[in-house]
Amino acid sequence: MTQPEGPWRDAPPPPKKGAGGGLLMWLAFLAAMGLGFLVLTRLFPGRGPGSDWPEGLRLFGVLAVVSSGLVFMRRIDVGQTARHLAGWAAIFAVAVAGYAYRGDVRAGLLQVRLALIPAYGVTDSPRSMIVGRGEGDAFYVFGKVDGAPVKFLIDTGASEIVLSPADARAAGLSPENLDFSTPSETANGVGYSARAMARSLRVGPIRMTDVPVSINQNPMSVSLLGMPFLKRLDSFEVRGDRLYLRGRG
């Protein structure tokens, strides 16, 4: 069948362009990223990506694989492609900077959490933590007694670790089965408590076993973490609005 003459004749398909333009743009992009990598290494010696070459090369390899689609592009919209490349370059720069300063970023985020939720504390080392000052100018901390979560008021004036009836029940120390015959001084006068032994007490990275506790007979708004806990630490210290707890090795 012959093609019709005149304006109704189908236009011939445009010639296909090779992938040479895409390959050149991809190589130029990788060269620019490599140069930026070296610049960061020189600007931040010992802190930049060059301080950990295997990780830096891994990030560079991921970027190369992700951007390799440029090689197979038949037609290149220079403006749109440049915008895409700029976006990938920004992502790469943020990833490198985040990795290089991961310690500082983590420390900053933990300080924000400490300011917003002081009782959660911040792990300072494998056996120490920092607690922020909370409501009523006091120090509260979340811990676990026999695996059950407990919110404690850290009280240096308390001669015992005192659990509220609700916290004791959650930890499996049922108040109904205890003998409340031990008198104890409280803010509201003389009260009665029962003795018990907790298998474990954990506050952040600090863990103790076979911990004697007292269970108050009357309801309490919060359990008390007194001197029996603090004496088993290597040290504890208040600096401004921070309480530093260090467990024994």
Protein backbone atom coordinates (compact mmCIF):
# COMPACT_ATOMS: atom_id res chain seq x y z
CA MET A 1 0.00 0.00 0.00
CA THR A 2 1.40 3.35 -1.07
CA GLN A 3 1.51 6.39 1.22
CA PRO A 4 -0.98 9.17 0.33
CA GLU A 5 0.45 12.31 -1.11
CA GLY A 6 0.00 15.75 0.43
CA PRO A 7 -0.47 16.94 4.02
CA TRP A 8 -2.13 13.65 5.11
CA ARG A 9 1.06 11.73 4.62
CA ASP A 10 2.50 10.31 7.88
CA ALA A 11 5.56 12.16 9.11
CA PRO A 12 8.68 10.00 9.23
CA PRO A 13 9.70 8.99 12.79
CA PRO A 14 12.44 11.15 14.27
CA PRO A 15 15.84 9.53 14.28
CA LYS A 16 16.76 7.89 17.57
CA LYS A 17 19.43 9.56 19.56
CA GLY A 18 22.12 7.49 21.12
CA ALA A 19 22.82 7.31 24.80
CA GLY A 20 26.01 9.34 24.45
CA GLY A 21 24.48 12.49 25.95
CA GLY A 22 23.13 10.61 28.96
CA LEU A 23 26.45 8.86 29.53
CA LEU A 24 28.36 12.14 29.46
CA MET A 25 25.93 13.81 31.87
CA TRP A 26 26.11 10.81 34.23
CA LEU A 27 29.90 10.85 34.22
CA ALA A 28 29.94 14.60 34.79
CA PHE A 29 27.54 14.17 37.70
CA LEU A 30 29.72 11.48 39.30
CA ALA A 31 32.82 13.60 38.79
CA ALA A 32 31.11 16.53 40.53
CA MET A 33 30.06 14.31 43.43
CA GLY A 34 33.58 12.90 43.72
CA LEU A 35 34.99 16.41 43.80
CA GLY A 36 32.50 17.39 46.50
CA PHE A 37 33.49 14.29 48.48
CA LEU A 38 37.15 15.33 48.38
CA VAL A 39 36.31 18.93 49.29
CA LEU A 40 34.39 17.78 52.38
CA THR A 41 37.34 15.61 53.34
CA ARG A 42 39.70 18.58 53.17
CA LEU A 43 37.34 20.98 54.93
CA PHE A 44 36.63 18.62 57.83
CA PRO A 45 39.72 16.49 58.45
CA GLY A 46 39.01 13.67 60.85
CA ARG A 47 35.27 14.47 60.87
CA GLY A 48 34.27 14.43 57.24
CA PRO A 49 33.40 11.41 55.07
CA GLY A 50 37.08 10.70 54.37
CA SER A 51 37.55 9.62 57.97
CA ASP A 52 35.62 6.46 57.08
CA TRP A 53 36.46 5.68 53.46
CA PRO A 54 34.54 2.37 53.18
CA GLU A 55 31.30 4.02 54.28
CA GLY A 56 31.92 7.06 52.07
CA LEU A 57 32.57 4.84 49.05
CA ARG A 58 29.44 2.85 49.82
CA LEU A 59 27.34 6.03 49.77
CA PHE A 60 29.02 7.08 46.55
CA GLY A 61 28.29 3.67 45.00
CA VAL A 62 24.62 3.85 45.96
CA LEU A 63 24.37 7.28 44.36
CA ALA A 64 26.06 5.99 41.18
CA VAL A 65 23.63 3.07 40.88
CA VAL A 66 20.56 5.23 41.53
CA SER A 67 21.63 7.85 38.98
CA SER A 68 22.76 5.34 36.34
CA GLY A 69 19.44 5.68 34.55
CA LEU A 70 20.90 8.75 32.88
CA VAL A 71 22.97 6.46 30.66
CA PHE A 72 19.88 4.98 29.03
CA MET A 73 18.04 8.23 28.38
CA ARG A 74 17.30 8.74 24.68
CA ARG A 75 16.25 12.33 24.92
CA ILE A 76 17.53 14.69 27.58
CA ASP A 77 15.57 17.64 28.83
CA VAL A 78 18.56 19.59 30.11
CA GLY A 79 16.58 21.76 32.53
CA GLN A 80 14.59 18.95 34.09
CA THR A 81 17.61 16.65 34.26
CA ALA A 82 19.67 19.36 35.93
CA ARG A 83 16.97 19.78 38.57
CA HIS A 84 16.92 16.05 39.22
CA LEU A 85 20.69 15.96 39.50
CA ALA A 86 20.66 18.90 41.90
CA GLY A 87 18.13 17.04 44.05
CA TRP A 88 20.27 13.90 44.15
CA ALA A 89 23.34 15.98 44.93
CA ALA A 90 21.53 17.57 47.86
CA ILE A 91 20.43 14.15 49.14
CA PHE A 92 24.01 12.89 48.86
CA ALA A 93 25.38 15.93 50.69
CA VAL A 94 22.84 15.55 53.52
CA ALA A 95 23.62 11.81 53.80
CA VAL A 96 27.37 12.43 53.98
CA ALA A 97 27.02 15.28 56.47
CA GLY A 98 24.59 13.27 58.60
CA TYR A 99 26.98 10.32 58.71
CA ALA A 100 30.02 12.48 59.44
CA TYR A 101 28.26 14.23 62.32
CA ARG A 102 26.05 11.35 63.44
CA GLY A 103 27.38 11.58 67.00
CA ASP A 104 26.56 15.28 67.32
CA VAL A 105 23.13 14.81 65.71
CA ARG A 106 22.27 11.96 68.08
CA ALA A 107 23.47 13.95 71.09
CA GLY A 108 21.37 16.93 70.04
CA LEU A 109 18.24 14.81 69.59
CA LEU A 110 18.75 13.18 72.98
CA GLN A 111 19.11 16.58 74.63
CA VAL A 112 15.83 17.67 73.03
CA ARG A 113 14.14 14.53 74.37
CA LEU A 114 15.64 15.17 77.82
CA ALA A 115 14.20 18.69 77.82
CA LEU A 116 10.75 17.56 76.65
CA ILE A 117 10.43 14.33 78.69
CA PRO A 118 12.98 14.53 81.55
CA ALA A 119 11.87 11.28 83.22
CA TYR A 120 12.94 9.17 80.25
CA GLY A 121 16.55 10.22 80.77
CA VAL A 122 19.42 9.88 78.34
CA THR A 123 21.91 7.01 78.26
CA ASP A 124 25.34 8.57 78.63
CA SER A 125 27.41 5.37 78.48
CA PRO A 126 26.82 1.61 78.78
CA ARG A 127 26.35 2.01 82.56
CA SER A 128 25.36 5.62 83.17
CA MET A 129 22.49 7.98 82.38
CA ILE A 130 21.36 11.57 82.76
CA VAL A 131 17.95 12.55 84.16
CA GLY A 132 16.43 16.00 83.73
CA ARG A 133 14.69 17.99 86.46
CA GLY A 134 10.93 17.65 86.13
CA GLU A 135 7.74 18.91 87.68
CA GLY A 136 7.95 20.42 91.14
CA ASP A 137 11.71 20.89 90.72
CA ALA A 138 12.16 17.15 91.40
CA PHE A 139 13.83 14.31 89.50
CA TYR A 140 11.61 11.56 88.12
CA VAL A 141 12.76 8.55 86.16
CA PHE A 142 11.08 5.63 84.42
CA GLY A 143 12.38 2.21 85.43
CA LYS A 144 11.30 -1.42 85.58
CA VAL A 145 10.71 -3.69 88.55
CA ASP A 146 10.69 -7.37 87.59
CA GLY A 147 9.98 -6.23 84.03
CA ALA A 148 7.00 -4.00 84.92
CA PRO A 149 7.28 -0.27 84.07
CA VAL A 150 7.39 2.04 87.10
CA LYS A 151 7.69 5.80 87.36
CA PHE A 152 9.91 6.74 90.31
CA LEU A 153 10.54 9.93 92.22
CA ILE A 154 14.25 9.94 93.09
CA ASP A 155 14.29 10.82 96.77
CA THR A 156 17.62 11.12 98.61
CA GLY A 157 15.67 11.51 101.86
CA ALA A 158 13.95 8.13 101.51
CA SER A 159 15.62 5.29 103.40
CA GLU A 160 13.86 2.67 101.27
CA ILE A 161 12.72 1.89 97.75
CA VAL A 162 8.96 2.22 98.13
CA LEU A 163 6.47 0.87 95.61
CA SER A 164 2.90 2.03 95.38
CA PRO A 165 0.29 -0.76 95.67
CA ALA A 166 -0.50 -0.38 91.96
CA ASP A 167 3.15 -0.64 90.90
CA ALA A 168 3.71 -3.60 93.22
CA ARG A 169 0.72 -5.40 91.75
CA ALA A 170 1.99 -4.75 88.19
CA ALA A 171 5.37 -6.22 89.17
CA GLY A 172 3.76 -9.40 90.51
CA LEU A 173 4.19 -8.47 94.19
CA SER A 174 0.55 -8.73 95.11
CA PRO A 175 -0.26 -6.53 98.14
CA GLU A 176 -3.11 -8.86 99.08
CA ASN A 177 -0.59 -11.55 100.05
CA LEU A 178 1.72 -9.33 102.11
CA ASP A 179 1.88 -8.45 105.78
CA PHE A 180 1.60 -4.69 106.31
CA SER A 181 2.91 -4.58 109.84
CA THR A 182 6.03 -2.42 109.40
CA PRO A 183 5.50 1.21 110.49
CA SER A 184 7.12 3.85 108.30
CA GLU A 185 7.34 7.63 108.36
CA THR A 186 5.61 9.38 105.46
CA ALA A 187 4.78 12.98 104.58
CA ASN A 188 1.29 12.35 105.98
CA GLY A 189 2.47 10.77 109.23
CA VAL A 190 3.06 7.16 110.24
CA GLY A 191 1.99 4.58 107.68
CA TYR A 192 2.40 0.85 107.27
CA SER A 193 4.28 -1.07 104.65
CA ALA A 194 5.26 -4.62 103.75
CA ARG A 195 8.71 -5.95 102.93
CA ALA A 196 9.39 -7.79 99.68
CA MET A 197 12.27 -8.72 97.40
CA ALA A 198 12.34 -7.67 93.75
CA ARG A 199 14.30 -9.99 91.48
CA SER A 200 15.44 -7.08 89.32
CA LEU A 201 15.37 -3.30 89.20
CA ARG A 202 16.37 -1.51 86.02
CA VAL A 203 16.76 2.22 85.38
CA GLY A 204 18.08 2.92 81.88
CA PRO A 205 21.33 0.95 81.47
CA ILE A 206 21.66 0.45 85.25
CA ARG A 207 20.47 -2.97 86.39
CA MET A 208 20.39 -4.43 89.91
CA THR A 209 19.25 -7.83 91.15
CA ASP A 210 17.80 -9.02 94.46
CA VAL A 211 16.64 -5.57 95.54
CA PRO A 212 14.73 -5.20 98.84
CA VAL A 213 11.65 -2.99 98.46
CA SER A 214 8.83 -1.76 100.66
CA ILE A 215 5.24 -1.71 99.46
CA ASN A 216 3.09 1.02 100.88
CA GLN A 217 -0.31 0.01 102.17
CA ASN A 218 -2.05 3.19 101.04
CA PRO A 219 -2.22 4.43 97.43
CA MET A 220 0.65 6.65 96.23
CA SER A 221 0.82 8.93 93.22
CA VAL A 222 4.36 7.76 92.44
CA SER A 223 6.84 5.19 93.77
CA LEU A 224 10.04 6.30 95.51
CA LEU A 225 13.61 5.46 94.53
CA GLY A 226 15.53 6.02 97.74
CA MET A 227 19.00 5.57 99.14
CA PRO A 228 19.18 1.75 98.84
CA PHE A 229 19.28 2.30 95.06
CA LEU A 230 21.61 5.31 95.14
CA LYS A 231 24.07 3.61 97.51
CA ARG A 232 24.52 0.74 95.06
CA LEU A 233 25.63 3.15 92.34
CA ASP A 234 29.24 4.03 91.66
CA SER A 235 28.24 7.70 91.93
CA PHE A 236 25.37 10.16 91.57
CA GLU A 237 25.66 13.91 91.17
CA VAL A 238 23.39 16.89 90.53
CA ARG A 239 24.67 19.57 88.17
CA GLY A 240 22.18 22.32 87.53
CA ASP A 241 19.03 20.74 86.13
CA ARG A 242 20.68 17.36 85.46
CA LEU A 243 21.12 14.31 87.68
CA TYR A 244 23.98 12.03 86.64
CA LEU A 245 23.69 8.36 87.64
CA ARG A 246 26.62 5.98 87.14
CA GLY A 247 26.27 2.28 87.81
CA ARG A 248 29.04 0.01 88.94
CA GLY A 249 30.99 -1.97 86.37
